[in-house]
Amino acid sequence: MTPALLISAPRSGAGKTTVTLGILAALARRGIKVRSAKAGPDYIDPAFHAAATGRSSLNLDSWSMPPSLLDALASDAAADADMLVIEGAMGLFDGVAREPGRSGAAADLAARWHLPVLLVLDVSGQSQSAAAVLRGFAGHDPAVHIAGAILNRVGSERHRAPIATAIGALGIPVLGGIPRDATLTLPERHLGLVQAGEHGDLAARLTALADMAEQHLDLDAVIALAAPLARSTGKTAFAIPPPGQRIALASDAAFSFIYPHLLDGWHRAGAEIVRFSPLADETPDSSCDVCWLPGGYPELHAGALATAQTFRDGLMRFAETRPVHGECGGFMVLGERLEDADGVNHPMTGLLGHATSFHKRRLHLGYREARLLADSPIGPAGARVRGHEFHYATLIPGADAPFAELTDAYGQPVAEQGGRRGHVTGTFFHAIARSDA
């Protein structure tokens, strides 16, 4: 059984990702075969995890994924590793207050697999009060074991010492204190961190984070904290069956948001993934039987996409006879036009009739469950699929038929329904797993 632990925090912005990457990079540098996962729906952090460890990362989401799929994915991740490290999202207990164990909170995973939790505390602006915060988290849910703490953004030894003394009275070990250092912070944009592949100095950044972890954390104690994760004995579960035998996948700086567990599941089922780059004006391979346009940042590349005539013509020919599906950014590119943040309109493929705008941004964020209204690459008509929506685009609807009936995590209807026309389907909704399989 592979030892595993969960790294979380009381809130977003406390430094979970910085601490996690430092630990991952330091463990990998020691020659430990460490695998990682991200709790919740997040495309960006797993790519940083993979860069730090040299091994693929994945997502584990208790709301979107059926329990059998969660168990299978965690088991597979731990199968060929010396240690599994899971990074939480938002605060440890933050999730959907509806169904116990399926809230989407990182605490669900800790309770399900009896994982020790290493809590990252941002202690800037406080001292002994950090112990009160930790006491509250330690006693909040008896099924969740807070096994250690890391103090982040420590001002000095005079700052650290009384905090560590106050926490020591709780019987929870402090496994390190990280000083305030702006150079350790990774740059962000509107959907989170700037993606791993866009950092020309990523190797140097990860080296600095590994050095930080070696210098300021008790890594031997972190390793000893991990507890065995039992292997799943059930059969392999697929989140979403492959939409075809050969799948043309748009893949470049504008189209990069697709979950690793989906691609891995399709590979395991025998499907082939054939990548192409719309930004390089490439077309989907004509030997493929389905085309998938994932999310990403088309709004940052709208001008280049508008002039990629070979891509547009090739996609139109493909869509005459075979399914084409777009998620979020891919959905934007399937529309008539995309208005950028400066109010400039760029023509898109026009395979669907809507338009999208970033000129007047509005955040759309949350879990979604879709009941599909027609057959599509993510499932047959009537199927239910869980996932999420996260974007700042405003939708100008077209005259297309709706693709799905969408509700939020509390079962309330959501206005956005996507669109379908001929073989083409699209939606802002990112699919994570079938909920009716």
Protein backbone atom coordinates (compact mmCIF):
# COMPACT_ATOMS: atom_id res chain seq x y z
CA MET A 1 0.00 0.00 0.00
CA THR A 2 1.34 3.40 -1.00
CA PRO A 3 1.61 6.09 1.68
CA ALA A 4 -0.45 9.20 0.94
CA LEU A 5 -1.31 12.55 2.47
CA LEU A 6 -3.45 15.60 1.74
CA ILE A 7 -2.12 19.17 1.78
CA SER A 8 -4.83 21.74 2.44
CA ALA A 9 -5.44 25.12 4.09
CA PRO A 10 -8.19 27.11 5.81
CA ARG A 11 -8.80 29.19 2.65
CA SER A 12 -7.67 29.99 -0.87
CA GLY A 13 -4.52 32.06 -1.15
CA ALA A 14 -2.83 30.58 1.91
CA GLY A 15 0.01 29.08 -0.14
CA LYS A 16 -1.11 25.48 -0.71
CA THR A 17 0.23 25.30 -4.25
CA THR A 18 3.58 26.86 -3.37
CA VAL A 19 4.05 24.44 -0.46
CA THR A 20 2.83 21.45 -2.47
CA LEU A 21 5.16 22.18 -5.39
CA GLY A 22 8.09 22.66 -3.03
CA ILE A 23 7.44 19.33 -1.35
CA LEU A 24 6.87 17.51 -4.65
CA ALA A 25 10.01 18.92 -6.24
CA ALA A 26 12.12 18.18 -3.15
CA LEU A 27 10.85 14.60 -2.87
CA ALA A 28 11.47 13.99 -6.57
CA ARG A 29 15.00 15.39 -6.20
CA ARG A 30 15.59 12.83 -3.46
CA GLY A 31 14.73 10.08 -5.94
CA ILE A 32 11.31 9.33 -4.47
CA LYS A 33 8.70 8.26 -7.05
CA VAL A 34 5.98 10.66 -6.01
CA ARG A 35 2.60 10.99 -7.72
CA SER A 36 0.25 13.87 -7.16
CA ALA A 37 -3.39 14.82 -7.55
CA LYS A 38 -5.51 17.93 -7.24
CA ALA A 39 -8.79 17.89 -5.33
CA GLY A 40 -11.59 19.54 -7.26
CA PRO A 41 -11.95 20.87 -10.80
CA ASP A 42 -8.64 22.51 -11.73
CA TYR A 43 -6.78 22.24 -15.04
CA ILE A 44 -3.74 24.31 -14.19
CA ASP A 45 -2.25 22.97 -10.94
CA PRO A 46 -1.88 19.34 -12.16
CA ALA A 47 0.42 20.54 -14.95
CA PHE A 48 2.68 22.18 -12.36
CA HIS A 49 2.56 18.98 -10.30
CA ALA A 50 3.65 16.96 -13.32
CA ALA A 51 6.53 19.33 -14.00
CA ALA A 52 7.67 19.08 -10.37
CA THR A 53 7.53 15.28 -10.19
CA GLY A 54 8.19 14.19 -13.77
CA ARG A 55 5.07 12.04 -13.48
CA SER A 56 1.50 12.71 -14.60
CA SER A 57 -0.98 14.23 -12.16
CA LEU A 58 -4.77 14.01 -12.08
CA ASN A 59 -7.93 15.43 -10.49
CA LEU A 60 -10.04 13.84 -7.77
CA ASP A 61 -13.44 15.46 -7.25
CA SER A 62 -15.98 13.99 -4.84
CA TRP A 63 -18.97 15.90 -6.26
CA SER A 64 -18.43 15.24 -9.96
CA MET A 65 -16.98 11.73 -9.75
CA PRO A 66 -18.92 8.67 -8.57
CA PRO A 67 -17.25 6.99 -5.57
CA SER A 68 -16.20 3.97 -7.62
CA LEU A 69 -14.39 6.23 -10.09
CA LEU A 70 -12.71 8.17 -7.27
CA ASP A 71 -11.42 4.95 -5.72
CA ALA A 72 -10.17 3.61 -9.06
CA LEU A 73 -8.36 6.83 -9.98
CA ALA A 74 -6.67 7.17 -6.58
CA SER A 75 -5.69 3.50 -6.66
CA ASP A 76 -4.20 3.81 -10.15
CA ALA A 77 -2.28 6.94 -9.17
CA ALA A 78 -0.76 5.19 -6.16
CA ALA A 79 -0.03 1.91 -7.95
CA ASP A 80 3.38 2.84 -9.35
CA ALA A 81 4.55 5.34 -6.76
CA ASP A 82 6.45 5.52 -3.50
CA MET A 83 4.11 8.24 -2.24
CA LEU A 84 0.91 10.03 -3.27
CA VAL A 85 0.42 13.73 -2.43
CA ILE A 86 -3.02 15.32 -2.95
CA GLU A 87 -3.40 19.10 -2.99
CA GLY A 88 -6.73 20.48 -1.81
CA ALA A 89 -8.73 23.32 -3.36
CA MET A 90 -10.01 26.42 -1.54
CA GLY A 91 -10.42 25.70 2.19
CA LEU A 92 -10.31 22.14 3.53
CA PHE A 93 -14.06 21.94 4.23
CA ASP A 94 -15.28 24.17 1.39
CA GLY A 95 -17.79 22.38 -0.81
CA VAL A 96 -21.46 21.90 -1.60
CA ALA A 97 -23.54 21.49 1.57
CA ARG A 98 -25.88 18.87 0.20
CA GLU A 99 -24.81 15.20 0.18
CA PRO A 100 -22.35 13.97 2.85
CA GLY A 101 -19.15 12.63 1.32
CA ARG A 102 -19.95 14.16 -2.08
CA SER A 103 -19.52 17.86 -1.38
CA GLY A 104 -16.48 18.39 -3.56
CA ALA A 105 -14.47 19.46 -0.50
CA ALA A 106 -10.95 18.12 -0.02
CA ALA A 107 -12.13 16.90 3.41
CA ASP A 108 -14.27 14.28 1.64
CA LEU A 109 -11.13 12.63 0.28
CA ALA A 110 -9.35 12.76 3.64
CA ALA A 111 -12.32 11.12 5.35
CA ARG A 112 -12.93 8.53 2.60
CA TRP A 113 -9.36 7.24 2.53
CA HIS A 114 -8.32 8.10 6.10
CA LEU A 115 -5.63 10.45 4.83
CA PRO A 116 -3.59 12.57 7.23
CA VAL A 117 -3.99 16.29 6.49
CA LEU A 118 -1.06 18.69 6.44
CA LEU A 119 -2.61 22.13 6.97
CA VAL A 120 -0.89 25.22 5.54
CA LEU A 121 -1.49 28.26 7.75
CA ASP A 122 -0.88 31.76 6.40
CA VAL A 123 0.28 33.43 9.61
CA SER A 124 0.86 36.90 8.18
CA GLY A 125 -0.95 39.43 10.33
CA GLN A 126 -1.42 37.10 13.32
CA SER A 127 0.47 35.21 15.99
CA GLN A 128 -0.97 32.81 18.61
CA SER A 129 -4.39 33.17 16.99
CA ALA A 130 -3.12 30.72 14.37
CA ALA A 131 -3.40 28.03 17.07
CA ALA A 132 -7.07 28.86 17.56
CA VAL A 133 -7.67 28.48 13.82
CA LEU A 134 -5.88 25.14 13.85
CA ARG A 135 -7.82 23.98 16.91
CA GLY A 136 -11.08 24.72 15.11
CA PHE A 137 -10.06 22.77 12.03
CA ALA A 138 -8.78 19.85 14.09
CA GLY A 139 -12.08 19.50 15.94
CA HIS A 140 -14.49 20.32 13.13
CA ASP A 141 -14.97 16.78 11.77
CA PRO A 142 -13.83 13.70 13.70
CA ALA A 143 -13.45 11.82 10.40
CA VAL A 144 -10.78 14.28 9.23
CA HIS A 145 -7.39 14.02 10.94
CA ILE A 146 -5.19 17.13 11.00
CA ALA A 147 -1.80 15.47 11.39
CA GLY A 148 0.54 18.45 11.02
CA ALA A 149 0.85 22.11 10.19
CA ILE A 150 3.13 24.29 8.09
CA LEU A 151 3.42 27.98 8.88
CA ASN A 152 3.57 30.12 5.75
CA ARG A 153 4.62 33.76 5.30
CA VAL A 154 6.50 33.91 8.59
CA GLY A 155 7.97 37.34 9.28
CA SER A 156 10.88 36.36 11.55
CA GLU A 157 11.98 33.92 14.24
CA ARG A 158 10.33 36.23 16.80
CA HIS A 159 7.12 35.83 14.82
CA ARG A 160 7.41 32.06 14.43
CA ALA A 161 8.33 31.02 17.98
CA PRO A 162 5.15 32.01 19.88
CA ILE A 163 2.95 30.54 17.13
CA ALA A 164 4.79 27.23 17.30
CA THR A 165 4.54 27.23 21.11
CA ALA A 166 0.79 27.87 21.02
CA ILE A 167 0.25 25.13 18.44
CA GLY A 168 2.47 22.75 20.40
CA ALA A 169 -0.12 22.77 23.18
CA LEU A 170 -2.59 21.19 20.74
CA GLY A 171 -0.40 18.15 20.17
CA ILE A 172 -0.22 18.85 16.43
CA PRO A 173 3.37 19.02 15.12
CA VAL A 174 4.59 22.07 13.23
CA LEU A 175 6.66 20.71 10.33
CA GLY A 176 8.15 23.98 9.17
CA GLY A 177 7.91 27.71 8.77
CA ILE A 178 8.29 29.40 5.38
CA PRO A 179 9.43 33.03 5.37
CA ARG A 180 7.69 35.75 3.39
CA ASP A 181 9.25 35.75 -0.06
CA ALA A 182 7.53 37.34 -3.03
CA THR A 183 9.87 35.54 -5.44
CA LEU A 184 8.22 32.21 -4.54
CA THR A 185 4.82 33.41 -5.78
CA LEU A 186 3.71 32.18 -9.21
CA PRO A 187 2.10 34.75 -11.54
CA GLU A 188 -1.66 34.60 -12.15
CA ARG A 189 -4.22 35.61 -14.75
CA HIS A 190 -8.04 35.62 -14.77
CA LEU A 191 -8.54 31.83 -14.58
CA GLY A 192 -5.78 31.16 -12.05
CA LEU A 193 -2.04 30.62 -12.36
CA VAL A 194 -0.33 31.30 -15.66
CA GLN A 195 -0.04 27.81 -17.16
CA ALA A 196 3.05 25.72 -16.52
CA GLY A 197 3.98 25.50 -20.21
CA GLU A 198 4.14 29.29 -20.50
CA HIS A 199 6.96 29.68 -17.97
CA GLY A 200 10.32 29.73 -19.71
CA ASP A 201 11.95 29.63 -16.27
CA LEU A 202 9.77 26.90 -14.80
CA ALA A 203 12.69 24.56 -14.04
CA ALA A 204 14.46 27.32 -12.13
CA ARG A 205 11.27 28.17 -10.23
CA LEU A 206 10.79 24.54 -9.21
CA THR A 207 14.43 24.30 -8.13
CA ALA A 208 13.92 27.36 -5.93
CA LEU A 209 10.77 25.83 -4.41
CA ALA A 210 12.60 22.54 -3.74
CA ASP A 211 15.40 24.50 -2.07
CA MET A 212 12.78 26.31 0.03
CA ALA A 213 11.25 23.02 1.14
CA GLU A 214 14.62 21.49 2.00
CA GLN A 215 15.63 24.55 4.02
CA HIS A 216 12.43 25.40 5.85
CA LEU A 217 10.43 22.14 6.16
CA ASP A 218 11.11 18.89 7.98
CA LEU A 219 10.74 16.70 4.91
CA ASP A 220 11.53 13.50 6.78
CA ALA A 221 8.60 14.26 9.10
CA VAL A 222 6.37 15.04 6.11
CA ILE A 223 7.21 11.66 4.59
CA ALA A 224 6.61 9.90 7.92
CA LEU A 225 3.21 11.62 8.20
CA ALA A 226 1.79 9.80 5.15
CA ALA A 227 -0.53 6.85 5.78
CA PRO A 228 -1.12 3.79 3.57
CA LEU A 229 -3.74 4.18 0.86
CA ALA A 230 -5.53 0.88 0.26
CA ARG A 231 -5.71 -0.24 -3.36
CA SER A 232 -9.14 -0.43 -4.95
CA THR A 233 -10.28 -3.94 -5.78
CA GLY A 234 -13.06 -2.89 -8.15
CA LYS A 235 -12.88 -2.93 -11.93
CA THR A 236 -11.47 0.04 -13.82
CA ALA A 237 -14.07 2.76 -14.20
CA PHE A 238 -14.23 5.23 -17.08
CA ALA A 239 -15.41 8.77 -16.41
CA ILE A 240 -16.73 9.24 -19.94
CA PRO A 241 -16.41 6.52 -22.58
CA PRO A 242 -14.23 7.48 -25.55
CA PRO A 243 -16.29 9.41 -28.11
CA GLY A 244 -14.61 7.57 -30.97
CA GLN A 245 -11.82 5.21 -31.93
CA ARG A 246 -9.64 8.03 -33.27
CA ILE A 247 -10.16 11.38 -31.57
CA ALA A 248 -8.86 14.59 -33.13
CA LEU A 249 -7.92 16.80 -30.17
CA ALA A 250 -7.15 20.51 -30.52
CA SER A 251 -4.02 21.03 -28.45
CA ASP A 252 -1.96 24.22 -28.16
CA ALA A 253 -1.77 27.41 -26.09
CA ALA A 254 -5.40 28.26 -26.91
CA PHE A 255 -6.78 24.74 -26.26
CA SER A 256 -5.20 23.09 -23.24
CA PHE A 257 -7.95 22.47 -20.67
CA ILE A 258 -8.81 18.79 -20.79
CA TYR A 259 -8.72 16.56 -17.75
CA PRO A 260 -5.92 13.96 -17.63
CA HIS A 261 -8.31 11.29 -16.32
CA LEU A 262 -10.42 11.61 -19.47
CA LEU A 263 -7.48 11.16 -21.82
CA ASP A 264 -6.07 8.32 -19.74
CA GLY A 265 -9.45 6.57 -19.72
CA TRP A 266 -9.79 6.89 -23.48
CA HIS A 267 -6.30 5.48 -23.97
CA ARG A 268 -7.09 2.56 -21.66
CA ALA A 269 -10.24 1.85 -23.66
CA GLY A 270 -8.14 1.56 -26.82
CA ALA A 271 -8.87 4.96 -28.39
CA GLU A 272 -6.18 6.96 -30.19
CA ILE A 273 -5.68 10.67 -29.55
CA VAL A 274 -4.54 12.61 -32.63
CA ARG A 275 -3.52 16.14 -31.66
CA PHE A 276 -3.58 19.17 -33.92
CA SER A 277 -2.98 22.89 -33.43
CA PRO A 278 -5.53 25.46 -34.60
CA LEU A 279 -3.01 28.20 -33.77
CA ALA A 280 -0.61 26.59 -36.25
CA ASP A 281 -3.50 26.59 -38.78
CA GLU A 282 -3.74 22.78 -38.69
CA THR A 283 -6.88 20.78 -39.38
CA PRO A 284 -8.32 17.73 -37.62
CA ASP A 285 -6.94 14.54 -39.16
CA SER A 286 -9.38 13.25 -41.78
CA SER A 287 -8.91 9.69 -40.51
CA CYS A 288 -10.46 10.60 -37.15
CA ASP A 289 -14.13 9.95 -36.38
CA VAL A 290 -14.69 12.75 -33.85
CA CYS A 291 -13.15 16.15 -33.08
CA TRP A 292 -12.87 17.65 -29.59
CA LEU A 293 -12.09 21.32 -28.96
CA PRO A 294 -11.26 21.70 -25.25
CA GLY A 295 -11.20 24.84 -23.19
CA GLY A 296 -8.26 27.16 -22.79
CA TYR A 297 -7.52 30.77 -23.63
CA PRO A 298 -8.82 31.48 -27.15
CA GLU A 299 -9.52 35.05 -26.03
CA LEU A 300 -5.75 35.61 -25.78
CA HIS A 301 -5.26 34.31 -29.33
CA ALA A 302 -8.43 35.53 -31.03
CA GLY A 303 -6.57 37.38 -33.78
CA ALA A 304 -4.51 34.34 -34.75
CA LEU A 305 -7.55 32.06 -34.69
CA ALA A 306 -9.52 34.50 -36.83
CA THR A 307 -6.89 34.28 -39.58
CA ALA A 308 -6.37 30.49 -39.36
CA GLN A 309 -8.33 29.85 -42.55
CA THR A 310 -6.98 26.36 -43.17
CA PHE A 311 -8.13 25.29 -39.69
CA ARG A 312 -11.56 26.84 -40.17
CA ASP A 313 -12.09 25.27 -43.60
CA GLY A 314 -10.86 21.88 -42.41
CA LEU A 315 -13.09 21.93 -39.33
CA MET A 316 -16.11 22.81 -41.45
CA ARG A 317 -15.41 19.89 -43.80
CA PHE A 318 -14.97 17.56 -40.82
CA ALA A 319 -18.26 18.70 -39.28
CA GLU A 320 -20.20 17.87 -42.44
CA THR A 321 -19.97 14.15 -41.67
CA ARG A 322 -18.60 13.67 -38.12
CA PRO A 323 -19.21 14.97 -34.60
CA VAL A 324 -17.42 18.09 -33.39
CA HIS A 325 -17.70 19.12 -29.73
CA GLY A 326 -16.41 22.26 -28.03
CA GLU A 327 -16.10 22.96 -24.29
CA CYS A 328 -15.85 26.51 -22.94
CA GLY A 329 -13.01 27.97 -25.05
CA GLY A 330 -13.78 25.43 -27.74
CA PHE A 331 -17.44 26.49 -27.60
CA MET A 332 -16.37 30.11 -28.11
CA VAL A 333 -14.42 29.19 -31.24
CA LEU A 334 -17.41 27.28 -32.65
CA GLY A 335 -19.46 30.50 -32.55
CA GLU A 336 -19.80 33.33 -35.05
CA ARG A 337 -17.42 35.77 -33.36
CA LEU A 338 -15.40 36.50 -30.24
CA GLU A 339 -15.17 40.04 -28.86
CA ASP A 340 -11.92 40.58 -26.98
CA ALA A 341 -11.34 42.71 -23.89
CA ASP A 342 -10.66 45.78 -26.06
CA GLY A 343 -14.01 45.47 -27.83
CA VAL A 344 -12.51 44.16 -31.07
CA ASN A 345 -14.59 41.49 -32.81
CA HIS A 346 -12.83 38.48 -34.33
CA PRO A 347 -14.65 36.06 -36.65
CA MET A 348 -14.66 32.46 -35.45
CA THR A 349 -15.71 29.27 -37.26
CA GLY A 350 -19.46 29.97 -37.38
CA LEU A 351 -20.39 26.31 -36.91
CA LEU A 352 -22.79 27.50 -34.20
CA GLY A 353 -24.74 30.75 -34.13
CA HIS A 354 -23.76 32.34 -30.82
CA ALA A 355 -21.09 34.94 -30.07
CA THR A 356 -19.03 35.57 -26.94
CA SER A 357 -17.61 38.75 -25.45
CA PHE A 358 -14.87 39.64 -22.97
CA HIS A 359 -15.48 43.36 -23.37
CA LYS A 360 -17.91 43.25 -20.46
CA ARG A 361 -16.62 40.42 -18.33
CA ARG A 362 -18.78 38.50 -15.89
CA LEU A 363 -17.67 35.54 -13.79
CA HIS A 364 -19.54 32.25 -14.26
CA LEU A 365 -18.36 29.69 -11.74
CA GLY A 366 -19.72 26.52 -10.18
CA TYR A 367 -20.54 22.85 -10.43
CA ARG A 368 -22.98 21.79 -13.13
CA GLU A 369 -25.01 18.68 -13.93
CA ALA A 370 -26.15 18.31 -17.52
CA ARG A 371 -28.97 16.22 -18.96
CA LEU A 372 -28.03 15.86 -22.60
CA LEU A 373 -30.76 16.67 -25.11
CA ALA A 374 -29.06 14.98 -28.06
CA ASP A 375 -26.37 12.43 -28.80
CA SER A 376 -22.90 13.95 -28.56
CA PRO A 377 -19.27 13.05 -27.86
CA ILE A 378 -19.86 13.32 -24.09
CA GLY A 379 -22.80 10.90 -24.08
CA PRO A 380 -26.13 9.88 -25.62
CA ALA A 381 -29.35 11.86 -25.36
CA GLY A 382 -30.77 11.60 -21.84
CA ALA A 383 -27.40 10.91 -20.20
CA ARG A 384 -26.46 12.88 -17.10
CA VAL A 385 -22.95 14.28 -16.85
CA ARG A 386 -21.37 16.21 -14.00
CA GLY A 387 -18.72 18.88 -14.32
CA HIS A 388 -18.25 22.60 -13.85
CA GLU A 389 -18.34 26.04 -15.48
CA PHE A 390 -15.59 28.64 -15.04
CA HIS A 391 -15.22 31.58 -17.40
CA TYR A 392 -15.61 35.34 -17.72
CA ALA A 393 -17.22 35.48 -21.15
CA THR A 394 -20.65 36.93 -21.85
CA LEU A 395 -22.81 34.87 -24.21
CA ILE A 396 -24.78 36.41 -27.04
CA PRO A 397 -27.20 33.57 -27.91
CA GLY A 398 -27.77 32.30 -31.42
CA ALA A 399 -30.71 30.38 -32.87
CA ASP A 400 -29.29 26.87 -32.35
CA ALA A 401 -31.14 24.11 -30.54
CA PRO A 402 -30.12 23.72 -26.88
CA PHE A 403 -27.50 21.08 -26.17
CA ALA A 404 -28.37 20.25 -22.54
CA GLU A 405 -30.51 21.12 -19.56
CA LEU A 406 -28.10 22.36 -16.90
CA THR A 407 -28.51 22.69 -13.15
CA ASP A 408 -26.11 23.81 -10.45
CA ALA A 409 -24.90 21.69 -7.55
CA TYR A 410 -28.12 22.42 -5.65
CA GLY A 411 -30.38 21.34 -8.53
CA GLN A 412 -31.31 24.89 -9.55
CA PRO A 413 -31.64 25.56 -13.31
CA VAL A 414 -28.79 27.35 -15.06
CA ALA A 415 -29.55 29.60 -18.02
CA GLU A 416 -26.67 28.47 -20.24
CA GLN A 417 -27.69 25.42 -22.32
CA GLY A 418 -25.03 25.30 -25.02
CA GLY A 419 -25.97 24.76 -28.63
CA ARG A 420 -26.23 22.07 -31.31
CA ARG A 421 -26.49 22.20 -35.05
CA GLY A 422 -26.02 19.19 -37.32
CA HIS A 423 -23.00 17.22 -36.06
CA VAL A 424 -21.75 20.14 -33.96
CA THR A 425 -22.32 20.53 -30.20
CA GLY A 426 -20.86 22.91 -27.68
CA THR A 427 -21.28 24.34 -24.20
CA PHE A 428 -19.42 26.35 -21.55
CA PHE A 429 -19.81 23.28 -19.30
CA HIS A 430 -16.65 21.18 -18.74
CA ALA A 431 -17.50 17.48 -18.47
CA ILE A 432 -15.80 15.49 -15.69
CA ALA A 433 -17.76 12.23 -15.38
CA ARG A 434 -21.06 10.54 -16.19
CA SER A 435 -23.29 10.54 -13.14
CA ASP A 436 -25.75 7.92 -14.43
CA ALA A 437 -23.28 5.25 -15.58
